[in-house]
Amino acid sequence: MYYRRHIFFCTNKREDGSPCCQNHDADHIRGYAKQQVKALGIAGPGGVRVNKSGCMDRCSEGPIAVVYPEGVWYTYSDLADIDEIVEEHLLAGRVVERLKI
């Protein structure tokens, strides 16, 4: 496996004004997660990759991220939630149950 874990952040923007992840500043959140992963020294081959994705079709559940290979779907509301996902799941391998959808 090239990466131990891969996290994808939906960064889709719906032009019709309907719910979408970009309404929650998803690009900024993904960038923050990427910085945190690098700061912890777990970025890159053998570690963690932070990516953006298009719509993952779960718009009604708030902003969305999914971690593979576990296939765990998360929602988040602020940078503290991202810190928890990065430190607990991406670094330590523990699912953050309170953010799981």
PDB file of N, CA and C in Angstrom:
ATOM      1  N   MET A   1       0.843  -1.173   0.000  1.00  0.00           N
ATOM      2  CA  MET A   1       0.000   0.000   0.000  1.00  0.00           C
ATOM      3  C   MET A   1       0.890   1.238   0.000  1.00  0.00           C
ATOM      4  N   TYR A   2       0.659   2.134  -0.924  1.00  0.00           N
ATOM      5  CA  TYR A   2       1.504   3.314  -1.067  1.00  0.00           C
ATOM      6  C   TYR A   2       1.303   4.293   0.083  1.00  0.00           C
ATOM      7  N   TYR A   3       0.024   4.518   0.467  1.00  0.00           N
ATOM      8  CA  TYR A   3      -0.292   5.345   1.636  1.00  0.00           C
ATOM      9  C   TYR A   3      -0.956   4.472   2.682  1.00  0.00           C
ATOM     10  N   ARG A   4      -0.632   4.712   3.921  1.00  0.00           N
ATOM     11  CA  ARG A   4      -1.265   3.973   5.018  1.00  0.00           C
ATOM     12  C   ARG A   4      -2.733   4.382   5.135  1.00  0.00           C
ATOM     13  N   ARG A   5      -2.975   5.687   5.000  1.00  0.00           N
ATOM     14  CA  ARG A   5      -4.340   6.219   5.030  1.00  0.00           C
ATOM     15  C   ARG A   5      -4.463   7.354   4.028  1.00  0.00           C
ATOM     16  N   HIS A   6      -5.671   7.507   3.548  1.00  0.00           N
ATOM     17  CA  HIS A   6      -6.003   8.533   2.568  1.00  0.00           C
ATOM     18  C   HIS A   6      -7.271   9.213   3.067  1.00  0.00           C
ATOM     19  N   ILE A   7      -7.278  10.535   3.204  1.00  0.00           N
ATOM     20  CA  ILE A   7      -8.494  11.242   3.581  1.00  0.00           C
ATOM     21  C   ILE A   7      -8.905  12.147   2.433  1.00  0.00           C
ATOM     22  N   PHE A   8     -10.164  12.028   2.061  1.00  0.00           N
ATOM     23  CA  PHE A   8     -10.732  12.830   0.991  1.00  0.00           C
ATOM     24  C   PHE A   8     -11.748  13.803   1.588  1.00  0.00           C
ATOM     25  N   PHE A   9     -11.606  15.076   1.252  1.00  0.00           N
ATOM     26  CA  PHE A   9     -12.550  16.107   1.666  1.00  0.00           C
ATOM     27  C   PHE A   9     -13.371  16.513   0.454  1.00  0.00           C
ATOM     28  N   CYS A  10     -14.685  16.425   0.569  1.00  0.00           N
ATOM     29  CA  CYS A  10     -15.534  16.947  -0.494  1.00  0.00           C
ATOM     30  C   CYS A  10     -15.363  18.458  -0.507  1.00  0.00           C
ATOM     31  N   THR A  11     -15.091  19.010  -1.679  1.00  0.00           N
ATOM     32  CA  THR A  11     -14.960  20.463  -1.833  1.00  0.00           C
ATOM     33  C   THR A  11     -15.926  20.976  -2.917  1.00  0.00           C
ATOM     34  N   ASN A  12     -16.971  20.221  -3.146  1.00  0.00           N
ATOM     35  CA  ASN A  12     -17.928  20.575  -4.193  1.00  0.00           C
ATOM     36  C   ASN A  12     -18.708  21.842  -3.849  1.00  0.00           C
ATOM     37  N   LYS A  13     -18.954  22.651  -4.863  1.00  0.00           N
ATOM     38  CA  LYS A  13     -19.786  23.853  -4.744  1.00  0.00           C
ATOM     39  C   LYS A  13     -20.974  23.697  -5.674  1.00  0.00           C
ATOM     40  N   ARG A  14     -22.168  23.715  -5.112  1.00  0.00           N
ATOM     41  CA  ARG A  14     -23.389  23.648  -5.927  1.00  0.00           C
ATOM     42  C   ARG A  14     -23.822  25.071  -6.258  1.00  0.00           C
ATOM     43  N   GLU A  15     -23.861  25.364  -7.511  1.00  0.00           N
ATOM     44  CA  GLU A  15     -24.163  26.716  -7.979  1.00  0.00           C
ATOM     45  C   GLU A  15     -25.623  27.109  -7.763  1.00  0.00           C
ATOM     46  N   ASP A  16     -26.498  26.129  -7.543  1.00  0.00           N
ATOM     47  CA  ASP A  16     -27.919  26.445  -7.365  1.00  0.00           C
ATOM     48  C   ASP A  16     -28.266  26.855  -5.929  1.00  0.00           C
ATOM     49  N   GLY A  17     -27.256  26.885  -5.049  1.00  0.00           N
ATOM     50  CA  GLY A  17     -27.484  27.309  -3.672  1.00  0.00           C
ATOM     51  C   GLY A  17     -27.913  26.204  -2.735  1.00  0.00           C
ATOM     52  N   SER A  18     -28.070  24.995  -3.237  1.00  0.00           N
ATOM     53  CA  SER A  18     -28.460  23.885  -2.374  1.00  0.00           C
ATOM     54  C   SER A  18     -27.280  23.476  -1.489  1.00  0.00           C
ATOM     55  N   PRO A  19     -27.538  22.713  -0.428  1.00  0.00           N
ATOM     56  CA  PRO A  19     -26.458  22.343   0.512  1.00  0.00           C
ATOM     57  C   PRO A  19     -25.270  21.702  -0.205  1.00  0.00           C
ATOM     58  N   CYS A  20     -24.083  22.128   0.206  1.00  0.00           N
ATOM     59  CA  CYS A  20     -22.854  21.552  -0.332  1.00  0.00           C
ATOM     60  C   CYS A  20     -21.718  21.793   0.651  1.00  0.00           C
ATOM     61  N   CYS A  21     -20.666  21.037   0.524  1.00  0.00           N
ATOM     62  CA  CYS A  21     -19.535  21.131   1.450  1.00  0.00           C
ATOM     63  C   CYS A  21     -18.809  22.469   1.361  1.00  0.00           C
ATOM     64  N   GLN A  22     -18.760  23.049   0.180  1.00  0.00           N
ATOM     65  CA  GLN A  22     -18.055  24.316   0.032  1.00  0.00           C
ATOM     66  C   GLN A  22     -18.752  25.451   0.796  1.00  0.00           C
ATOM     67  N   ASN A  23     -20.029  25.280   1.104  1.00  0.00           N
ATOM     68  CA  ASN A  23     -20.732  26.252   1.942  1.00  0.00           C
ATOM     69  C   ASN A  23     -20.144  26.286   3.351  1.00  0.00           C
ATOM     70  N   HIS A  24     -19.348  25.278   3.692  1.00  0.00           N
ATOM     71  CA  HIS A  24     -18.710  25.170   5.009  1.00  0.00           C
ATOM     72  C   HIS A  24     -17.199  25.398   4.917  1.00  0.00           C
ATOM     73  N   ASP A  25     -16.762  26.092   3.865  1.00  0.00           N
ATOM     74  CA  ASP A  25     -15.348  26.439   3.664  1.00  0.00           C
ATOM     75  C   ASP A  25     -14.455  25.198   3.563  1.00  0.00           C
ATOM     76  N   ALA A  26     -14.926  24.226   2.817  1.00  0.00           N
ATOM     77  CA  ALA A  26     -14.249  22.935   2.713  1.00  0.00           C
ATOM     78  C   ALA A  26     -12.820  23.037   2.180  1.00  0.00           C
ATOM     79  N   ASP A  27     -12.551  23.941   1.241  1.00  0.00           N
ATOM     80  CA  ASP A  27     -11.182  24.085   0.726  1.00  0.00           C
ATOM     81  C   ASP A  27     -10.226  24.507   1.837  1.00  0.00           C
ATOM     82  N   HIS A  28     -10.659  25.457   2.643  1.00  0.00           N
ATOM     83  CA  HIS A  28      -9.826  25.908   3.770  1.00  0.00           C
ATOM     84  C   HIS A  28      -9.600  24.778   4.768  1.00  0.00           C
ATOM     85  N   ILE A  29     -10.659  24.047   5.087  1.00  0.00           N
ATOM     86  CA  ILE A  29     -10.566  22.938   6.048  1.00  0.00           C
ATOM     87  C   ILE A  29      -9.596  21.874   5.539  1.00  0.00           C
ATOM     88  N   ARG A  30      -9.690  21.542   4.256  1.00  0.00           N
ATOM     89  CA  ARG A  30      -8.771  20.545   3.681  1.00  0.00           C
ATOM     90  C   ARG A  30      -7.333  21.042   3.767  1.00  0.00           C
ATOM     91  N   GLY A  31      -7.111  22.305   3.456  1.00  0.00           N
ATOM     92  CA  GLY A  31      -5.771  22.874   3.561  1.00  0.00           C
ATOM     93  C   GLY A  31      -5.238  22.818   4.976  1.00  0.00           C
ATOM     94  N   TYR A  32      -6.093  23.086   5.937  1.00  0.00           N
ATOM     95  CA  TYR A  32      -5.705  23.009   7.346  1.00  0.00           C
ATOM     96  C   TYR A  32      -5.317  21.576   7.718  1.00  0.00           C
ATOM     97  N   ALA A  33      -6.130  20.608   7.303  1.00  0.00           N
ATOM     98  CA  ALA A  33      -5.828  19.201   7.591  1.00  0.00           C
ATOM     99  C   ALA A  33      -4.482  18.809   6.987  1.00  0.00           C
ATOM    100  N   LYS A  34      -4.234  19.271   5.778  1.00  0.00           N
ATOM    101  CA  LYS A  34      -2.968  18.971   5.105  1.00  0.00           C
ATOM    102  C   LYS A  34      -1.786  19.540   5.902  1.00  0.00           C
ATOM    103  N   GLN A  35      -1.916  20.766   6.393  1.00  0.00           N
ATOM    104  CA  GLN A  35      -0.868  21.380   7.226  1.00  0.00           C
ATOM    105  C   GLN A  35      -0.634  20.568   8.498  1.00  0.00           C
ATOM    106  N   GLN A  36      -1.720  20.121   9.123  1.00  0.00           N
ATOM    107  CA  GLN A  36      -1.599  19.367  10.378  1.00  0.00           C
ATOM    108  C   GLN A  36      -0.904  18.024  10.144  1.00  0.00           C
ATOM    109  N   VAL A  37      -1.258  17.360   9.060  1.00  0.00           N
ATOM    110  CA  VAL A  37      -0.641  16.073   8.727  1.00  0.00           C
ATOM    111  C   VAL A  37       0.860  16.267   8.490  1.00  0.00           C
ATOM    112  N   LYS A  38       1.223  17.325   7.785  1.00  0.00           N
ATOM    113  CA  LYS A  38       2.648  17.620   7.552  1.00  0.00           C
ATOM    114  C   LYS A  38       3.357  17.948   8.858  1.00  0.00           C
ATOM    115  N   ALA A  39       2.726  18.746   9.715  1.00  0.00           N
ATOM    116  CA  ALA A  39       3.330  19.141  10.992  1.00  0.00           C
ATOM    117  C   ALA A  39       3.591  17.938  11.891  1.00  0.00           C
ATOM    118  N   LEU A  40       2.742  16.922  11.786  1.00  0.00           N
ATOM    119  CA  LEU A  40       2.918  15.705  12.591  1.00  0.00           C
ATOM    120  C   LEU A  40       3.924  14.740  11.972  1.00  0.00           C
ATOM    121  N   GLY A  41       4.398  15.050  10.768  1.00  0.00           N
ATOM    122  CA  GLY A  41       5.382  14.196  10.105  1.00  0.00           C
ATOM    123  C   GLY A  41       4.825  12.907   9.549  1.00  0.00           C
ATOM    124  N   ILE A  42       3.519  12.885   9.266  1.00  0.00           N
ATOM    125  CA  ILE A  42       2.916  11.651   8.751  1.00  0.00           C
ATOM    126  C   ILE A  42       2.465  11.777   7.296  1.00  0.00           C
ATOM    127  N   ALA A  43       2.834  12.868   6.638  1.00  0.00           N
ATOM    128  CA  ALA A  43       2.441  13.084   5.242  1.00  0.00           C
ATOM    129  C   ALA A  43       3.345  12.301   4.300  1.00  0.00           C
ATOM    130  N   GLY A  44       2.773  11.885   3.171  1.00  0.00           N
ATOM    131  CA  GLY A  44       3.574  11.295   2.109  1.00  0.00           C
ATOM    132  C   GLY A  44       3.553   9.786   2.067  1.00  0.00           C
ATOM    133  N   PRO A  45       4.318   9.215   1.139  1.00  0.00           N
ATOM    134  CA  PRO A  45       4.353   7.763   0.946  1.00  0.00           C
ATOM    135  C   PRO A  45       4.623   7.022   2.265  1.00  0.00           C
ATOM    136  N   GLY A  46       3.824   5.988   2.495  1.00  0.00           N
ATOM    137  CA  GLY A  46       3.933   5.219   3.731  1.00  0.00           C
ATOM    138  C   GLY A  46       3.161   5.845   4.872  1.00  0.00           C
ATOM    139  N   GLY A  47       2.640   7.045   4.657  1.00  0.00           N
ATOM    140  CA  GLY A  47       1.898   7.766   5.680  1.00  0.00           C
ATOM    141  C   GLY A  47       0.502   8.118   5.220  1.00  0.00           C
ATOM    142  N   VAL A  48       0.204   9.410   5.244  1.00  0.00           N
ATOM    143  CA  VAL A  48      -1.148   9.891   4.970  1.00  0.00           C
ATOM    144  C   VAL A  48      -1.140  10.836   3.783  1.00  0.00           C
ATOM    145  N   ARG A  49      -2.159  10.737   2.978  1.00  0.00           N
ATOM    146  CA  ARG A  49      -2.381  11.647   1.856  1.00  0.00           C
ATOM    147  C   ARG A  49      -3.700  12.372   2.091  1.00  0.00           C
ATOM    148  N   VAL A  50      -3.699  13.696   1.958  1.00  0.00           N
ATOM    149  CA  VAL A  50      -4.901  14.516   2.096  1.00  0.00           C
ATOM    150  C   VAL A  50      -5.291  14.997   0.703  1.00  0.00           C
ATOM    151  N   ASN A  51      -6.515  14.657   0.283  1.00  0.00           N
ATOM    152  CA  ASN A  51      -6.991  15.013  -1.050  1.00  0.00           C
ATOM    153  C   ASN A  51      -8.344  15.688  -0.989  1.00  0.00           C
ATOM    154  N   LYS A  52      -8.653  16.396  -2.075  1.00  0.00           N
ATOM    155  CA  LYS A  52     -10.009  16.901  -2.232  1.00  0.00           C
ATOM    156  C   LYS A  52     -10.732  16.019  -3.228  1.00  0.00           C
ATOM    157  N   SER A  53     -12.042  16.042  -3.138  1.00  0.00           N
ATOM    158  CA  SER A  53     -12.849  15.273  -4.080  1.00  0.00           C
ATOM    159  C   SER A  53     -14.015  16.131  -4.539  1.00  0.00           C
ATOM    160  N   GLY A  54     -14.655  15.659  -5.559  1.00  0.00           N
ATOM    161  CA  GLY A  54     -15.911  16.257  -5.971  1.00  0.00           C
ATOM    162  C   GLY A  54     -17.007  15.759  -5.049  1.00  0.00           C
ATOM    163  N   CYS A  55     -18.225  15.960  -5.454  1.00  0.00           N
ATOM    164  CA  CYS A  55     -19.374  15.604  -4.630  1.00  0.00           C
ATOM    165  C   CYS A  55     -19.379  14.111  -4.297  1.00  0.00           C
ATOM    166  N   MET A  56     -19.591  13.828  -3.031  1.00  0.00           N
ATOM    167  CA  MET A  56     -19.711  12.441  -2.571  1.00  0.00           C
ATOM    168  C   MET A  56     -21.158  12.085  -2.266  1.00  0.00           C
ATOM    169  N   ASP A  57     -22.074  13.001  -2.636  1.00  0.00           N
ATOM    170  CA  ASP A  57     -23.517  12.769  -2.591  1.00  0.00           C
ATOM    171  C   ASP A  57     -24.057  12.525  -1.181  1.00  0.00           C
ATOM    172  N   ARG A  58     -23.463  13.213  -0.190  1.00  0.00           N
ATOM    173  CA  ARG A  58     -23.992  13.144   1.179  1.00  0.00           C
ATOM    174  C   ARG A  58     -24.185  14.572   1.702  1.00  0.00           C
ATOM    175  N   CYS A  59     -24.622  15.442   0.825  1.00  0.00           N
ATOM    176  CA  CYS A  59     -24.706  16.886   1.088  1.00  0.00           C
ATOM    177  C   CYS A  59     -25.554  17.231   2.304  1.00  0.00           C
ATOM    178  N   SER A  60     -26.600  16.477   2.559  1.00  0.00           N
ATOM    179  CA  SER A  60     -27.510  16.796   3.658  1.00  0.00           C
ATOM    180  C   SER A  60     -26.892  16.493   5.028  1.00  0.00           C
ATOM    181  N   GLU A  61     -25.746  15.818   5.053  1.00  0.00           N
ATOM    182  CA  GLU A  61     -25.129  15.439   6.323  1.00  0.00           C
ATOM    183  C   GLU A  61     -24.034  16.410   6.757  1.00  0.00           C
ATOM    184  N   GLY A  62     -23.940  17.557   6.091  1.00  0.00           N
ATOM    185  CA  GLY A  62     -22.947  18.557   6.454  1.00  0.00           C
ATOM    186  C   GLY A  62     -21.677  18.367   5.666  1.00  0.00           C
ATOM    187  N   PRO A  63     -20.620  19.082   6.008  1.00  0.00           N
ATOM    188  CA  PRO A  63     -19.365  18.880   5.294  1.00  0.00           C
ATOM    189  C   PRO A  63     -18.849  17.468   5.550  1.00  0.00           C
ATOM    190  N   ILE A  64     -18.265  16.870   4.529  1.00  0.00           N
ATOM    191  CA  ILE A  64     -17.928  15.447   4.546  1.00  0.00           C
ATOM    192  C   ILE A  64     -16.447  15.202   4.274  1.00  0.00           C
ATOM    193  N   ALA A  65     -15.908  14.222   4.996  1.00  0.00           N
ATOM    194  CA  ALA A  65     -14.581  13.675   4.700  1.00  0.00           C
ATOM    195  C   ALA A  65     -14.675  12.166   4.888  1.00  0.00           C
ATOM    196  N   VAL A  66     -13.880  11.426   4.140  1.00  0.00           N
ATOM    197  CA  VAL A  66     -13.867   9.971   4.280  1.00  0.00           C
ATOM    198  C   VAL A  66     -12.419   9.497   4.331  1.00  0.00           C
ATOM    199  N   VAL A  67     -12.157   8.555   5.231  1.00  0.00           N
ATOM    200  CA  VAL A  67     -10.811   8.005   5.425  1.00  0.00           C
ATOM    201  C   VAL A  67     -10.777   6.573   4.903  1.00  0.00           C
ATOM    202  N   TYR A  68      -9.801   6.312   4.044  1.00  0.00           N
ATOM    203  CA  TYR A  68      -9.553   4.968   3.513  1.00  0.00           C
ATOM    204  C   TYR A  68      -8.178   4.511   3.969  1.00  0.00           C
ATOM    205  N   PRO A  69      -7.938   3.216   4.184  1.00  0.00           N
ATOM    206  CA  PRO A  69      -8.732   2.107   3.684  1.00  0.00           C
ATOM    207  C   PRO A  69      -9.911   1.705   4.571  1.00  0.00           C
ATOM    208  N   GLU A  70     -10.094   2.349   5.717  1.00  0.00           N
ATOM    209  CA  GLU A  70     -11.154   1.941   6.626  1.00  0.00           C
ATOM    210  C   GLU A  70     -12.555   2.247   6.104  1.00  0.00           C
ATOM    211  N   GLY A  71     -12.679   3.246   5.235  1.00  0.00           N
ATOM    212  CA  GLY A  71     -13.985   3.622   4.717  1.00  0.00           C
ATOM    213  C   GLY A  71     -14.855   4.301   5.767  1.00  0.00           C
ATOM    214  N   VAL A  72     -14.237   5.097   6.632  1.00  0.00           N
ATOM    215  CA  VAL A  72     -14.969   5.794   7.691  1.00  0.00           C
ATOM    216  C   VAL A  72     -15.336   7.195   7.208  1.00  0.00           C
ATOM    217  N   TRP A  73     -16.623   7.500   7.269  1.00  0.00           N
ATOM    218  CA  TRP A  73     -17.158   8.795   6.844  1.00  0.00           C
ATOM    219  C   TRP A  73     -17.305   9.691   8.060  1.00  0.00           C
ATOM    220  N   TYR A  74     -16.872  10.943   7.902  1.00  0.00           N
ATOM    221  CA  TYR A  74     -16.956  11.923   8.975  1.00  0.00           C
ATOM    222  C   TYR A  74     -17.673  13.181   8.508  1.00  0.00           C
ATOM    223  N   THR A  75     -18.258  13.881   9.471  1.00  0.00           N
ATOM    224  CA  THR A  75     -18.660  15.258   9.298  1.00  0.00           C
ATOM    225  C   THR A  75     -17.881  16.065  10.326  1.00  0.00           C
ATOM    226  N   TYR A  76     -17.831  17.359  10.135  1.00  0.00           N
ATOM    227  CA  TYR A  76     -17.054  18.216  11.037  1.00  0.00           C
ATOM    228  C   TYR A  76     -17.696  19.591  11.078  1.00  0.00           C
ATOM    229  N   SER A  77     -17.413  20.335  12.153  1.00  0.00           N
ATOM    230  CA  SER A  77     -17.972  21.683  12.242  1.00  0.00           C
ATOM    231  C   SER A  77     -16.910  22.757  12.416  1.00  0.00           C
ATOM    232  N   ASP A  78     -15.707  22.369  12.831  1.00  0.00           N
ATOM    233  CA  ASP A  78     -14.672  23.376  13.057  1.00  0.00           C
ATOM    234  C   ASP A  78     -13.280  22.748  13.009  1.00  0.00           C
ATOM    235  N   LEU A  79     -12.264  23.583  13.192  1.00  0.00           N
ATOM    236  CA  LEU A  79     -10.877  23.100  13.122  1.00  0.00           C
ATOM    237  C   LEU A  79     -10.547  22.137  14.250  1.00  0.00           C
ATOM    238  N   ALA A  80     -11.195  22.286  15.396  1.00  0.00           N
ATOM    239  CA  ALA A  80     -10.968  21.348  16.506  1.00  0.00           C
ATOM    240  C   ALA A  80     -11.400  19.937  16.106  1.00  0.00           C
ATOM    241  N   ASP A  81     -12.499  19.820  15.351  1.00  0.00           N
ATOM    242  CA  ASP A  81     -12.922  18.501  14.856  1.00  0.00           C
ATOM    243  C   ASP A  81     -11.874  17.921  13.920  1.00  0.00           C
ATOM    244  N   ILE A  82     -11.287  18.751  13.076  1.00  0.00           N
ATOM    245  CA  ILE A  82     -10.242  18.292  12.156  1.00  0.00           C
ATOM    246  C   ILE A  82      -9.021  17.844  12.933  1.00  0.00           C
ATOM    247  N   ASP A  83      -8.631  18.615  13.956  1.00  0.00           N
ATOM    248  CA  ASP A  83      -7.504  18.201  14.810  1.00  0.00           C
ATOM    249  C   ASP A  83      -7.756  16.821  15.391  1.00  0.00           C
ATOM    250  N   GLU A  84      -8.980  16.582  15.850  1.00  0.00           N
ATOM    251  CA  GLU A  84      -9.314  15.285  16.445  1.00  0.00           C
ATOM    252  C   GLU A  84      -9.241  14.160  15.418  1.00  0.00           C
ATOM    253  N   ILE A  85      -9.756  14.389  14.229  1.00  0.00           N
ATOM    254  CA  ILE A  85      -9.687  13.368  13.180  1.00  0.00           C
ATOM    255  C   ILE A  85      -8.229  13.081  12.816  1.00  0.00           C
ATOM    256  N   VAL A  86      -7.434  14.130  12.659  1.00  0.00           N
ATOM    257  CA  VAL A  86      -6.027  13.953  12.286  1.00  0.00           C
ATOM    258  C   VAL A  86      -5.265  13.211  13.385  1.00  0.00           C
ATOM    259  N   GLU A  87      -5.403  13.661  14.618  1.00  0.00           N
ATOM    260  CA  GLU A  87      -4.622  13.071  15.714  1.00  0.00           C
ATOM    261  C   GLU A  87      -5.107  11.678  16.099  1.00  0.00           C
ATOM    262  N   GLU A  88      -6.416  11.502  16.149  1.00  0.00           N
ATOM    263  CA  GLU A  88      -6.950  10.211  16.583  1.00  0.00           C
ATOM    264  C   GLU A  88      -6.964   9.173  15.466  1.00  0.00           C
ATOM    265  N   HIS A  89      -7.542   9.527  14.316  1.00  0.00           N
ATOM    266  CA  HIS A  89      -7.673   8.515  13.267  1.00  0.00           C
ATOM    267  C   HIS A  89      -6.438   8.420  12.380  1.00  0.00           C
ATOM    268  N   LEU A  90      -6.022   9.548  11.818  1.00  0.00           N
ATOM    269  CA  LEU A  90      -4.919   9.476  10.856  1.00  0.00           C
ATOM    270  C   LEU A  90      -3.591   9.130  11.523  1.00  0.00           C
ATOM    271  N   LEU A  91      -3.360   9.624  12.720  1.00  0.00           N
ATOM    272  CA  LEU A  91      -2.102   9.343  13.420  1.00  0.00           C
ATOM    273  C   LEU A  91      -2.184   8.064  14.244  1.00  0.00           C
ATOM    274  N   ALA A  92      -3.222   7.946  15.081  1.00  0.00           N
ATOM    275  CA  ALA A  92      -3.287   6.837  16.049  1.00  0.00           C
ATOM    276  C   ALA A  92      -4.127   5.652  15.587  1.00  0.00           C
ATOM    277  N   GLY A  93      -4.905   5.824  14.515  1.00  0.00           N
ATOM    278  CA  GLY A  93      -5.698   4.704  14.005  1.00  0.00           C
ATOM    279  C   GLY A  93      -6.989   4.448  14.763  1.00  0.00           C
ATOM    280  N   ARG A  94      -7.444   5.409  15.568  1.00  0.00           N
ATOM    281  CA  ARG A  94      -8.686   5.254  16.330  1.00  0.00           C
ATOM    282  C   ARG A  94      -9.790   6.079  15.686  1.00  0.00           C
ATOM    283  N   VAL A  95     -10.908   5.436  15.389  1.00  0.00           N
ATOM    284  CA  VAL A  95     -12.056   6.107  14.785  1.00  0.00           C
ATOM    285  C   VAL A  95     -12.636   7.101  15.787  1.00  0.00           C
ATOM    286  N   VAL A  96     -12.978   8.294  15.314  1.00  0.00           N
ATOM    287  CA  VAL A  96     -13.593   9.324  16.145  1.00  0.00           C
ATOM    288  C   VAL A  96     -15.114   9.116  16.045  1.00  0.00           C
ATOM    289  N   GLU A  97     -15.650   8.354  16.956  1.00  0.00           N
ATOM    290  CA  GLU A  97     -17.054   7.944  16.893  1.00  0.00           C
ATOM    291  C   GLU A  97     -18.016   9.127  16.892  1.00  0.00           C
ATOM    292  N   ARG A  98     -17.727  10.194  17.626  1.00  0.00           N
ATOM    293  CA  ARG A  98     -18.675  11.300  17.741  1.00  0.00           C
ATOM    294  C   ARG A  98     -18.823  12.085  16.425  1.00  0.00           C
ATOM    295  N   LEU A  99     -17.872  11.952  15.500  1.00  0.00           N
ATOM    296  CA  LEU A  99     -17.928  12.652  14.217  1.00  0.00           C
ATOM    297  C   LEU A  99     -18.297  11.722  13.057  1.00  0.00           C
ATOM    298  N   LYS A 100     -18.401  10.444  13.344  1.00  0.00           N
ATOM    299  CA  LYS A 100     -18.673   9.446  12.314  1.00  0.00           C
ATOM    300  C   LYS A 100     -20.131   9.553  11.856  1.00  0.00           C
ATOM    301  N   ILE A 101     -20.336   9.397  10.543  1.00  0.00           N
ATOM    302  CA  ILE A 101     -21.704   9.371  10.006  1.00  0.00           C
ATOM    303  C   ILE A 101     -21.956   8.050   9.301  1.00  0.00           C
TER     304      ILE A 101
END
